[in-house]
Amino acid sequence: MTLLAGGVGGAKLAQGLDRAAAGLTVVVNTGDDAVVYGLSISPDLDTVMYTLAGIADPQQGWGIAGDTYATLEAMARLGQDTWFRLGDRDIATHVLRTARLRAGVPLSLATAELASALGVRARLLPMTDDAVATRVDTPAGRLEFQEYFVARRHADEVLGVVLDGVERAIPAPGVLEALDADVVVIGPSNPFVSIGPVLAVPGVREALAVSGARRVAVSPIVGGRALKGPAAAMLAAMGHEVSALGVARLYAGLVDVYVIDESDRGLAAAIEELGMTVMVTGTVMGGPEDRERLAREILAT
C-alpha cells in the first residue's frame, strides 16, 4: 500500500496504516523543503518519519517529543533571528542530512538512512530528489513557503501557489512503482501545498490516473473547516468550495473511494456524482489506536 502525504494529518494516517499492515510506502511532499541556519530541512519528511518512529511531539504534531532548544537560545544570544524553531535533537537530523546531501547522496537515500536509524519499518520516499520550491503568491508579494507558513503564521491571503522547478523534476526512485500498489491513499493533507506538489512532479498524476490500485482519498476538511493549517483559507481564496466536496472536485478522475467525516454525510450524494464511492466514518484522528482504526476501515473498502 502507498500513501501520498504531507503535514501532520498525513503523518497521523501513515502511522495508522503502518500499524494496520506491513508493506507501507509513503511518498512525501518536499516542496516546502528549505535551507535554514545553513541546514537542509525537510519538514514533511521529518514529520512523517518522527511520527512513524513514535517520537513526534504529540502536542505540536511536528518535531521531537521532549526536545530542548539550547542551540536556538544560543543563536539568539549571538544575534540571529530564530523564527524557525528547531529543537536540539531535531537539529541532529538536519546536520546528518545536510552532510549526506553535500557529499552527493540523493535525498531519497539520505531519507532511507535516517528512517532506518530511527527504526521506521515503512519505506519513506521523497516525491523527487530534485529541488522543487513551493512559493505562495499573496498581496504582500511572492513568499517562500516557510516565510508564509512559519514566519508569517500563514495569515496572508493566498492568491496562488507556484512550484518552482517542478517541471524539471524527476520522480524519486520507487515513486512511480509505488503507485501500482494494491491500495493508494491520498492522505488528509492540504491539497495545494502538500498533495499538489507530489501530483505535479511529471509522471506522477498520470501514473495515478491509470493505476490499477484501489485509489482512496481522505478529506482534509471536516465540517467546513481544516483541523490544522491553512487548507480551508486556501480553498476559499482560490475560489473553491470550503468543504469535503470542494476537495473531492480537485481529485476527480484520480480517486475511486472518497472518505468523509460523519459530520459531512450530507455531501455524499454530490460527491458520488463525481464518480467516487463515498465512505462515511470518523476521520478526526486522536492517538495511535484511533489512527489504526481509520486505516483499517480504509483498507477494508
C-alpha atoms as a PDB file:
ATOM      1  CA  MET A   1       0.000   0.000   0.000  1.00  0.00           C
ATOM      2  CA  THR A   2       1.107   3.532  -0.728  1.00  0.00           C
ATOM      3  CA  LEU A   3       0.226   6.811   0.945  1.00  0.00           C
ATOM      4  CA  LEU A   4       0.718  10.269  -0.582  1.00  0.00           C
ATOM      5  CA  ALA A   5       1.216  12.617   2.324  1.00  0.00           C
ATOM      6  CA  GLY A   6       2.449  15.840   3.806  1.00  0.00           C
ATOM      7  CA  GLY A   7       1.939  17.592   7.108  1.00  0.00           C
ATOM      8  CA  VAL A   8       0.536  16.368  10.392  1.00  0.00           C
ATOM      9  CA  GLY A   9      -2.666  14.807   9.036  1.00  0.00           C
ATOM     10  CA  GLY A  10      -0.756  12.722   6.520  1.00  0.00           C
ATOM     11  CA  ALA A  11       1.725  11.658   9.191  1.00  0.00           C
ATOM     12  CA  LYS A  12      -1.054  10.501  11.504  1.00  0.00           C
ATOM     13  CA  LEU A  13      -2.631   8.369   8.796  1.00  0.00           C
ATOM     14  CA  ALA A  14       0.808   6.984   7.895  1.00  0.00           C
ATOM     15  CA  GLN A  15       1.161   5.763  11.460  1.00  0.00           C
ATOM     16  CA  GLY A  16      -2.294   4.191  11.343  1.00  0.00           C
ATOM     17  CA  LEU A  17      -1.582   2.372   8.086  1.00  0.00           C
ATOM     18  CA  ASP A  18       1.803   1.193   9.360  1.00  0.00           C
ATOM     19  CA  ARG A  19       0.148  -0.237  12.481  1.00  0.00           C
ATOM     20  CA  ALA A  20      -2.632  -1.847  10.445  1.00  0.00           C
ATOM     21  CA  ALA A  21      -0.463  -3.754   7.963  1.00  0.00           C
ATOM     22  CA  ALA A  22       3.108  -4.245   6.798  1.00  0.00           C
ATOM     23  CA  GLY A  23       4.408  -3.050   3.450  1.00  0.00           C
ATOM     24  CA  LEU A  24       3.650   0.670   3.617  1.00  0.00           C
ATOM     25  CA  THR A  25       5.344   3.143   1.289  1.00  0.00           C
ATOM     26  CA  VAL A  26       4.843   6.855   1.962  1.00  0.00           C
ATOM     27  CA  VAL A  27       5.524   9.320  -0.859  1.00  0.00           C
ATOM     28  CA  VAL A  28       6.089  12.651   0.826  1.00  0.00           C
ATOM     29  CA  ASN A  29       5.910  16.260  -0.311  1.00  0.00           C
ATOM     30  CA  THR A  30       9.261  18.064  -0.483  1.00  0.00           C
ATOM     31  CA  GLY A  31       8.040  21.349  -1.930  1.00  0.00           C
ATOM     32  CA  ASP A  32       8.349  23.020   1.472  1.00  0.00           C
ATOM     33  CA  ASP A  33      11.977  21.928   1.973  1.00  0.00           C
ATOM     34  CA  ALA A  34      14.259  24.812   2.863  1.00  0.00           C
ATOM     35  CA  VAL A  35      17.763  25.745   3.933  1.00  0.00           C
ATOM     36  CA  VAL A  36      17.618  27.303   7.407  1.00  0.00           C
ATOM     37  CA  TYR A  37      20.684  28.202   9.508  1.00  0.00           C
ATOM     38  CA  GLY A  38      22.706  26.546   6.738  1.00  0.00           C
ATOM     39  CA  LEU A  39      20.937  23.215   7.254  1.00  0.00           C
ATOM     40  CA  SER A  40      18.818  21.276   4.743  1.00  0.00           C
ATOM     41  CA  ILE A  41      15.360  20.964   6.280  1.00  0.00           C
ATOM     42  CA  SER A  42      12.662  18.569   5.012  1.00  0.00           C
ATOM     43  CA  PRO A  43       9.698  19.379   7.278  1.00  0.00           C
ATOM     44  CA  ASP A  44       7.151  16.951   5.847  1.00  0.00           C
ATOM     45  CA  LEU A  45       9.594  14.063   5.560  1.00  0.00           C
ATOM     46  CA  ASP A  46      10.663  14.605   9.155  1.00  0.00           C
ATOM     47  CA  THR A  47       7.107  14.889  10.468  1.00  0.00           C
ATOM     48  CA  VAL A  48       6.213  11.572   8.843  1.00  0.00           C
ATOM     49  CA  MET A  49       9.482   9.964   9.947  1.00  0.00           C
ATOM     50  CA  TYR A  50       9.225  11.092  13.572  1.00  0.00           C
ATOM     51  CA  THR A  51       5.577  10.034  13.748  1.00  0.00           C
ATOM     52  CA  LEU A  52       6.338   6.569  12.384  1.00  0.00           C
ATOM     53  CA  ALA A  53       9.262   6.301  14.789  1.00  0.00           C
ATOM     54  CA  GLY A  54       6.944   7.126  17.702  1.00  0.00           C
ATOM     55  CA  ILE A  55       8.945  10.170  18.786  1.00  0.00           C
ATOM     56  CA  ALA A  56       6.909  13.062  17.349  1.00  0.00           C
ATOM     57  CA  ASP A  57       5.790  15.795  19.723  1.00  0.00           C
ATOM     58  CA  PRO A  58       2.135  14.900  20.403  1.00  0.00           C
ATOM     59  CA  GLN A  59       1.058  18.489  21.041  1.00  0.00           C
ATOM     60  CA  GLN A  60       2.713  20.150  18.055  1.00  0.00           C
ATOM     61  CA  GLY A  61       2.467  17.143  15.748  1.00  0.00           C
ATOM     62  CA  TRP A  62       5.946  18.011  14.436  1.00  0.00           C
ATOM     63  CA  GLY A  63       9.389  17.983  15.986  1.00  0.00           C
ATOM     64  CA  ILE A  64      10.565  15.541  18.649  1.00  0.00           C
ATOM     65  CA  ALA A  65       8.782  14.980  21.938  1.00  0.00           C
ATOM     66  CA  GLY A  66      10.600  16.464  24.918  1.00  0.00           C
ATOM     67  CA  ASP A  67      13.140  18.289  22.777  1.00  0.00           C
ATOM     68  CA  THR A  68      15.135  21.200  24.169  1.00  0.00           C
ATOM     69  CA  TYR A  69      16.142  24.461  22.486  1.00  0.00           C
ATOM     70  CA  ALA A  70      19.551  25.322  23.921  1.00  0.00           C
ATOM     71  CA  THR A  71      21.137  25.681  20.479  1.00  0.00           C
ATOM     72  CA  LEU A  72      18.445  28.101  19.318  1.00  0.00           C
ATOM     73  CA  GLU A  73      18.745  30.098  22.530  1.00  0.00           C
ATOM     74  CA  ALA A  74      22.499  30.398  21.977  1.00  0.00           C
ATOM     75  CA  MET A  75      21.919  31.510  18.388  1.00  0.00           C
ATOM     76  CA  ALA A  76      19.526  34.193  19.592  1.00  0.00           C
ATOM     77  CA  ARG A  77      22.178  35.478  22.000  1.00  0.00           C
ATOM     78  CA  LEU A  78      24.513  35.717  19.028  1.00  0.00           C
ATOM     79  CA  GLY A  79      22.024  37.994  17.298  1.00  0.00           C
ATOM     80  CA  GLN A  80      20.354  35.506  14.961  1.00  0.00           C
ATOM     81  CA  ASP A  81      16.671  35.592  14.086  1.00  0.00           C
ATOM     82  CA  THR A  82      15.271  32.280  15.327  1.00  0.00           C
ATOM     83  CA  TRP A  83      11.727  32.366  13.940  1.00  0.00           C
ATOM     84  CA  PHE A  84      12.202  28.852  12.529  1.00  0.00           C
ATOM     85  CA  ARG A  85      12.341  26.781  15.698  1.00  0.00           C
ATOM     86  CA  LEU A  86      14.461  23.639  15.673  1.00  0.00           C
ATOM     87  CA  GLY A  87      14.965  21.516  18.759  1.00  0.00           C
ATOM     88  CA  ASP A  88      18.390  20.213  19.726  1.00  0.00           C
ATOM     89  CA  ARG A  89      17.671  16.588  18.828  1.00  0.00           C
ATOM     90  CA  ASP A  90      15.874  17.667  15.671  1.00  0.00           C
ATOM     91  CA  ILE A  91      18.980  19.579  14.613  1.00  0.00           C
ATOM     92  CA  ALA A  92      20.938  16.311  14.649  1.00  0.00           C
ATOM     93  CA  THR A  93      18.686  15.013  11.848  1.00  0.00           C
ATOM     94  CA  HIS A  94      19.308  18.118   9.761  1.00  0.00           C
ATOM     95  CA  VAL A  95      23.071  18.086  10.340  1.00  0.00           C
ATOM     96  CA  LEU A  96      23.303  14.493   9.134  1.00  0.00           C
ATOM     97  CA  ARG A  97      21.007  15.113   6.150  1.00  0.00           C
ATOM     98  CA  THR A  98      22.976  18.200   5.157  1.00  0.00           C
ATOM     99  CA  ALA A  99      26.272  16.320   5.341  1.00  0.00           C
ATOM    100  CA  ARG A 100      24.948  13.482   3.181  1.00  0.00           C
ATOM    101  CA  LEU A 101      23.488  15.835   0.568  1.00  0.00           C
ATOM    102  CA  ARG A 102      26.737  17.806   0.385  1.00  0.00           C
ATOM    103  CA  ALA A 103      28.565  14.512  -0.141  1.00  0.00           C
ATOM    104  CA  GLY A 104      26.417  13.922  -3.233  1.00  0.00           C
ATOM    105  CA  VAL A 105      23.976  11.429  -1.721  1.00  0.00           C
ATOM    106  CA  PRO A 106      20.425  11.878  -3.102  1.00  0.00           C
ATOM    107  CA  LEU A 107      17.653  12.886  -0.713  1.00  0.00           C
ATOM    108  CA  SER A 108      15.905   9.529  -1.176  1.00  0.00           C
ATOM    109  CA  LEU A 109      18.943   7.606   0.090  1.00  0.00           C
ATOM    110  CA  ALA A 110      19.628  10.060   2.917  1.00  0.00           C
ATOM    111  CA  THR A 111      15.983   9.699   3.981  1.00  0.00           C
ATOM    112  CA  ALA A 112      16.196   5.901   3.946  1.00  0.00           C
ATOM    113  CA  GLU A 113      19.315   6.025   6.121  1.00  0.00           C
ATOM    114  CA  LEU A 114      17.736   8.349   8.687  1.00  0.00           C
ATOM    115  CA  ALA A 115      14.480   6.365   8.806  1.00  0.00           C
ATOM    116  CA  SER A 116      16.361   3.101   9.262  1.00  0.00           C
ATOM    117  CA  ALA A 117      18.404   4.564  12.109  1.00  0.00           C
ATOM    118  CA  LEU A 118      15.163   5.541  13.871  1.00  0.00           C
ATOM    119  CA  GLY A 119      13.652   2.070  13.415  1.00  0.00           C
ATOM    120  CA  VAL A 120      10.987   3.054  10.889  1.00  0.00           C
ATOM    121  CA  ARG A 121       9.793  -0.040   9.038  1.00  0.00           C
ATOM    122  CA  ALA A 122       7.796   1.757   6.316  1.00  0.00           C
ATOM    123  CA  ARG A 123       9.569   2.941   3.188  1.00  0.00           C
ATOM    124  CA  LEU A 124       9.742   6.750   3.028  1.00  0.00           C
ATOM    125  CA  LEU A 125      10.225   8.303  -0.405  1.00  0.00           C
ATOM    126  CA  PRO A 126      10.580  11.997  -1.167  1.00  0.00           C
ATOM    127  CA  MET A 127       8.471  12.872  -4.188  1.00  0.00           C
ATOM    128  CA  THR A 128      11.699  13.764  -6.031  1.00  0.00           C
ATOM    129  CA  ASP A 129      15.428  14.051  -5.434  1.00  0.00           C
ATOM    130  CA  ASP A 130      15.382  17.329  -7.372  1.00  0.00           C
ATOM    131  CA  ALA A 131      14.856  20.805  -5.927  1.00  0.00           C
ATOM    132  CA  VAL A 132      11.218  21.942  -6.027  1.00  0.00           C
ATOM    133  CA  ALA A 133      10.228  25.067  -4.092  1.00  0.00           C
ATOM    134  CA  THR A 134       6.656  25.905  -3.158  1.00  0.00           C
ATOM    135  CA  ARG A 135       6.075  29.646  -3.234  1.00  0.00           C
ATOM    136  CA  VAL A 136       2.879  31.419  -2.250  1.00  0.00           C
ATOM    137  CA  ASP A 137       1.516  34.488  -4.021  1.00  0.00           C
ATOM    138  CA  THR A 138      -0.024  36.947  -1.566  1.00  0.00           C
ATOM    139  CA  PRO A 139      -0.984  40.653  -1.541  1.00  0.00           C
ATOM    140  CA  ALA A 140       2.453  41.194   0.067  1.00  0.00           C
ATOM    141  CA  GLY A 141       4.165  39.534  -2.899  1.00  0.00           C
ATOM    142  CA  ARG A 142       5.505  36.063  -3.620  1.00  0.00           C
ATOM    143  CA  LEU A 143       6.715  34.395  -0.424  1.00  0.00           C
ATOM    144  CA  GLU A 144       8.915  31.389   0.220  1.00  0.00           C
ATOM    145  CA  PHE A 145       6.700  28.732   1.745  1.00  0.00           C
ATOM    146  CA  GLN A 146       8.339  28.725   5.173  1.00  0.00           C
ATOM    147  CA  GLU A 147       8.202  32.524   5.316  1.00  0.00           C
ATOM    148  CA  TYR A 148       4.465  32.365   4.583  1.00  0.00           C
ATOM    149  CA  PHE A 149       3.726  29.363   6.791  1.00  0.00           C
ATOM    150  CA  VAL A 150       6.011  29.812   9.789  1.00  0.00           C
ATOM    151  CA  ALA A 151       7.349  33.368   9.905  1.00  0.00           C
ATOM    152  CA  ARG A 152       4.035  35.000   8.946  1.00  0.00           C
ATOM    153  CA  ARG A 153       1.880  32.238  10.503  1.00  0.00           C
ATOM    154  CA  HIS A 154       0.004  31.661   7.207  1.00  0.00           C
ATOM    155  CA  ALA A 155      -2.052  34.808   7.848  1.00  0.00           C
ATOM    156  CA  ASP A 156      -1.689  36.242   4.325  1.00  0.00           C
ATOM    157  CA  GLU A 157      -4.435  35.763   1.761  1.00  0.00           C
ATOM    158  CA  VAL A 158      -3.305  33.213  -0.810  1.00  0.00           C
ATOM    159  CA  LEU A 159      -3.691  34.329  -4.407  1.00  0.00           C
ATOM    160  CA  GLY A 160      -1.935  31.335  -5.906  1.00  0.00           C
ATOM    161  CA  VAL A 161       0.688  28.639  -5.415  1.00  0.00           C
ATOM    162  CA  VAL A 162       3.771  28.300  -7.618  1.00  0.00           C
ATOM    163  CA  LEU A 163       6.017  25.227  -7.710  1.00  0.00           C
ATOM    164  CA  ASP A 164       9.392  26.420  -8.892  1.00  0.00           C
ATOM    165  CA  GLY A 165      11.416  23.730 -10.625  1.00  0.00           C
ATOM    166  CA  VAL A 166       8.699  21.080 -10.688  1.00  0.00           C
ATOM    167  CA  GLU A 167       8.584  20.883 -14.464  1.00  0.00           C
ATOM    168  CA  ARG A 168      12.220  19.709 -14.463  1.00  0.00           C
ATOM    169  CA  ALA A 169      11.845  17.293 -11.563  1.00  0.00           C
ATOM    170  CA  ILE A 170      12.010  13.520 -11.910  1.00  0.00           C
ATOM    171  CA  PRO A 171      10.122  11.220  -9.521  1.00  0.00           C
ATOM    172  CA  ALA A 172      12.447   9.778  -6.897  1.00  0.00           C
ATOM    173  CA  PRO A 173      13.400   6.121  -7.405  1.00  0.00           C
ATOM    174  CA  GLY A 174      10.470   3.914  -6.472  1.00  0.00           C
ATOM    175  CA  VAL A 175       7.765   6.580  -6.602  1.00  0.00           C
ATOM    176  CA  LEU A 176       6.077   5.561  -9.855  1.00  0.00           C
ATOM    177  CA  GLU A 177       6.344   1.867  -8.966  1.00  0.00           C
ATOM    178  CA  ALA A 178       4.685   2.598  -5.616  1.00  0.00           C
ATOM    179  CA  LEU A 179       1.595   3.851  -7.439  1.00  0.00           C
ATOM    180  CA  ASP A 180       0.996   0.292  -8.695  1.00  0.00           C
ATOM    181  CA  ALA A 181       0.310  -0.934  -5.159  1.00  0.00           C
ATOM    182  CA  ASP A 182      -2.905  -2.727  -4.247  1.00  0.00           C
ATOM    183  CA  VAL A 183      -4.113   0.427  -2.495  1.00  0.00           C
ATOM    184  CA  VAL A 184      -3.009   4.034  -2.982  1.00  0.00           C
ATOM    185  CA  VAL A 185      -4.258   6.522  -0.402  1.00  0.00           C
ATOM    186  CA  ILE A 186      -4.180  10.300  -0.643  1.00  0.00           C
ATOM    187  CA  GLY A 187      -3.876  11.454   2.942  1.00  0.00           C
ATOM    188  CA  PRO A 188      -5.911  14.177   4.665  1.00  0.00           C
ATOM    189  CA  SER A 189      -3.289  16.747   3.711  1.00  0.00           C
ATOM    190  CA  ASN A 190      -3.536  20.209   2.178  1.00  0.00           C
ATOM    191  CA  PRO A 191      -4.468  19.633  -1.492  1.00  0.00           C
ATOM    192  CA  PHE A 192      -2.497  22.654  -2.700  1.00  0.00           C
ATOM    193  CA  VAL A 193       0.802  22.620  -0.785  1.00  0.00           C
ATOM    194  CA  SER A 194       1.078  19.021   0.456  1.00  0.00           C
ATOM    195  CA  ILE A 195      -0.562  16.771  -2.158  1.00  0.00           C
ATOM    196  CA  GLY A 196      -0.423  19.236  -5.053  1.00  0.00           C
ATOM    197  CA  PRO A 197       3.383  19.235  -5.319  1.00  0.00           C
ATOM    198  CA  VAL A 198       3.509  15.417  -5.294  1.00  0.00           C
ATOM    199  CA  LEU A 199       0.974  15.186  -8.108  1.00  0.00           C
ATOM    200  CA  ALA A 200       2.751  17.941 -10.057  1.00  0.00           C
ATOM    201  CA  VAL A 201       6.015  16.001 -10.404  1.00  0.00           C
ATOM    202  CA  PRO A 202       5.983  14.930 -14.066  1.00  0.00           C
ATOM    203  CA  GLY A 203       4.565  11.432 -14.449  1.00  0.00           C
ATOM    204  CA  VAL A 204       3.002  11.105 -11.001  1.00  0.00           C
ATOM    205  CA  ARG A 205      -0.518  12.343 -11.737  1.00  0.00           C
ATOM    206  CA  GLU A 206      -0.524  10.393 -14.980  1.00  0.00           C
ATOM    207  CA  ALA A 207       0.592   7.192 -13.246  1.00  0.00           C
ATOM    208  CA  LEU A 208      -2.065   7.569 -10.564  1.00  0.00           C
ATOM    209  CA  ALA A 209      -4.751   8.228 -13.157  1.00  0.00           C
ATOM    210  CA  VAL A 210      -4.098   4.883 -14.898  1.00  0.00           C
ATOM    211  CA  SER A 211      -3.126   2.876 -11.822  1.00  0.00           C
ATOM    212  CA  GLY A 212      -4.947  -0.384 -11.236  1.00  0.00           C
ATOM    213  CA  ALA A 213      -4.790   0.255  -7.486  1.00  0.00           C
ATOM    214  CA  ARG A 214      -7.837   0.931  -5.376  1.00  0.00           C
ATOM    215  CA  ARG A 215      -7.405   4.684  -5.057  1.00  0.00           C
ATOM    216  CA  VAL A 216      -8.691   6.256  -1.856  1.00  0.00           C
ATOM    217  CA  ALA A 217      -8.586   9.862  -0.633  1.00  0.00           C
ATOM    218  CA  VAL A 218      -9.374  11.118   2.853  1.00  0.00           C
ATOM    219  CA  SER A 219     -10.867  14.594   3.091  1.00  0.00           C
ATOM    220  CA  PRO A 220      -8.761  17.143   4.992  1.00  0.00           C
ATOM    221  CA  ILE A 221     -11.868  19.278   5.501  1.00  0.00           C
ATOM    222  CA  VAL A 222     -14.277  18.286   8.258  1.00  0.00           C
ATOM    223  CA  GLY A 223     -17.494  20.187   8.800  1.00  0.00           C
ATOM    224  CA  GLY A 224     -16.342  23.031   6.579  1.00  0.00           C
ATOM    225  CA  ARG A 225     -13.013  23.620   8.293  1.00  0.00           C
ATOM    226  CA  ALA A 226      -9.457  22.336   8.297  1.00  0.00           C
ATOM    227  CA  LEU A 227      -8.391  20.677  11.520  1.00  0.00           C
ATOM    228  CA  LYS A 228      -4.903  22.167  11.173  1.00  0.00           C
ATOM    229  CA  GLY A 229      -3.215  24.581   8.800  1.00  0.00           C
ATOM    230  CA  PRO A 230      -4.426  26.875   6.019  1.00  0.00           C
ATOM    231  CA  ALA A 231      -6.269  24.430   3.726  1.00  0.00           C
ATOM    232  CA  ALA A 232      -9.694  25.987   4.305  1.00  0.00           C
ATOM    233  CA  ALA A 233      -8.411  29.527   3.782  1.00  0.00           C
ATOM    234  CA  MET A 234      -6.617  28.451   0.601  1.00  0.00           C
ATOM    235  CA  LEU A 235      -9.735  26.806  -0.786  1.00  0.00           C
ATOM    236  CA  ALA A 236     -11.762  29.958  -0.189  1.00  0.00           C
ATOM    237  CA  ALA A 237      -9.122  32.360  -1.502  1.00  0.00           C
ATOM    238  CA  MET A 238      -8.650  30.390  -4.723  1.00  0.00           C
ATOM    239  CA  GLY A 239     -12.350  30.115  -5.480  1.00  0.00           C
ATOM    240  CA  HIS A 240     -13.137  26.601  -4.301  1.00  0.00           C
ATOM    241  CA  GLU A 241     -15.925  25.486  -2.017  1.00  0.00           C
ATOM    242  CA  VAL A 242     -14.640  25.067   1.526  1.00  0.00           C
ATOM    243  CA  SER A 243     -15.952  21.570   2.124  1.00  0.00           C
ATOM    244  CA  ALA A 244     -15.163  17.918   1.635  1.00  0.00           C
ATOM    245  CA  LEU A 245     -16.951  18.253  -1.706  1.00  0.00           C
ATOM    246  CA  GLY A 246     -14.686  21.131  -2.729  1.00  0.00           C
ATOM    247  CA  VAL A 247     -11.606  18.964  -2.194  1.00  0.00           C
ATOM    248  CA  ALA A 248     -13.239  15.962  -3.889  1.00  0.00           C
ATOM    249  CA  ARG A 249     -13.630  18.036  -7.058  1.00  0.00           C
ATOM    250  CA  LEU A 250      -9.852  18.574  -7.086  1.00  0.00           C
ATOM    251  CA  TYR A 251      -9.306  14.803  -7.092  1.00  0.00           C
ATOM    252  CA  ALA A 252     -11.930  13.886  -9.705  1.00  0.00           C
ATOM    253  CA  GLY A 253     -10.539  11.233 -12.044  1.00  0.00           C
ATOM    254  CA  LEU A 254      -7.829  10.206  -9.589  1.00  0.00           C
ATOM    255  CA  VAL A 255      -9.887   8.623  -6.814  1.00  0.00           C
ATOM    256  CA  ASP A 256     -12.226   5.640  -6.599  1.00  0.00           C
ATOM    257  CA  VAL A 257     -13.211   5.970  -2.933  1.00  0.00           C
ATOM    258  CA  TYR A 258     -13.518   9.234  -1.007  1.00  0.00           C
ATOM    259  CA  VAL A 259     -13.577   9.153   2.779  1.00  0.00           C
ATOM    260  CA  ILE A 260     -15.525  11.849   4.610  1.00  0.00           C
ATOM    261  CA  ASP A 261     -16.387  12.500   8.213  1.00  0.00           C
ATOM    262  CA  GLU A 262     -19.769  11.731   9.767  1.00  0.00           C
ATOM    263  CA  SER A 263     -20.389  15.468  10.012  1.00  0.00           C
ATOM    264  CA  ASP A 264     -20.263  15.701   6.202  1.00  0.00           C
ATOM    265  CA  ARG A 265     -22.649  12.831   5.468  1.00  0.00           C
ATOM    266  CA  GLY A 266     -24.984  15.226   3.666  1.00  0.00           C
ATOM    267  CA  LEU A 267     -22.355  15.767   0.941  1.00  0.00           C
ATOM    268  CA  ALA A 268     -22.144  12.086   0.000  1.00  0.00           C
ATOM    269  CA  ALA A 269     -24.613  12.204  -2.894  1.00  0.00           C
ATOM    270  CA  ALA A 270     -22.917  15.202  -4.538  1.00  0.00           C
ATOM    271  CA  ILE A 271     -19.501  13.535  -4.203  1.00  0.00           C
ATOM    272  CA  GLU A 272     -20.806  10.317  -5.721  1.00  0.00           C
ATOM    273  CA  GLU A 273     -21.884  12.336  -8.768  1.00  0.00           C
ATOM    274  CA  LEU A 274     -18.156  12.919  -9.380  1.00  0.00           C
ATOM    275  CA  GLY A 275     -17.753   9.173  -9.933  1.00  0.00           C
ATOM    276  CA  MET A 276     -16.467   8.281  -6.479  1.00  0.00           C
ATOM    277  CA  THR A 277     -17.762   5.819  -3.923  1.00  0.00           C
ATOM    278  CA  VAL A 278     -18.142   7.559  -0.583  1.00  0.00           C
ATOM    279  CA  MET A 279     -17.172   6.075   2.762  1.00  0.00           C
ATOM    280  CA  VAL A 280     -18.530   7.903   5.817  1.00  0.00           C
ATOM    281  CA  THR A 281     -16.746   7.417   9.126  1.00  0.00           C
ATOM    282  CA  GLY A 282     -14.984   9.320  11.880  1.00  0.00           C
ATOM    283  CA  THR A 283     -11.958  10.911  10.219  1.00  0.00           C
ATOM    284  CA  VAL A 284     -10.691  13.030  13.126  1.00  0.00           C
ATOM    285  CA  MET A 285      -7.689  11.060  14.365  1.00  0.00           C
ATOM    286  CA  GLY A 286      -6.649  11.108  18.000  1.00  0.00           C
ATOM    287  CA  GLY A 287      -3.994   8.749  19.305  1.00  0.00           C
ATOM    288  CA  PRO A 288      -2.336   5.777  17.574  1.00  0.00           C
ATOM    289  CA  GLU A 289      -5.285   3.424  18.173  1.00  0.00           C
ATOM    290  CA  ASP A 290      -7.715   5.836  16.537  1.00  0.00           C
ATOM    291  CA  ARG A 291      -5.366   6.272  13.582  1.00  0.00           C
ATOM    292  CA  GLU A 292      -5.149   2.500  13.192  1.00  0.00           C
ATOM    293  CA  ARG A 293      -8.936   2.218  13.352  1.00  0.00           C
ATOM    294  CA  LEU A 294      -9.335   4.650  10.447  1.00  0.00           C
ATOM    295  CA  ALA A 295      -6.571   2.910   8.486  1.00  0.00           C
ATOM    296  CA  ARG A 296      -8.237  -0.489   8.881  1.00  0.00           C
ATOM    297  CA  GLU A 297     -11.546   0.931   7.699  1.00  0.00           C
ATOM    298  CA  ILE A 298      -9.817   2.395   4.637  1.00  0.00           C
ATOM    299  CA  LEU A 299      -8.069  -0.877   3.826  1.00  0.00           C
ATOM    300  CA  ALA A 300     -11.358  -2.722   4.121  1.00  0.00           C
ATOM    301  CA  THR A 301     -13.115  -0.568   1.479  1.00  0.00           C
END
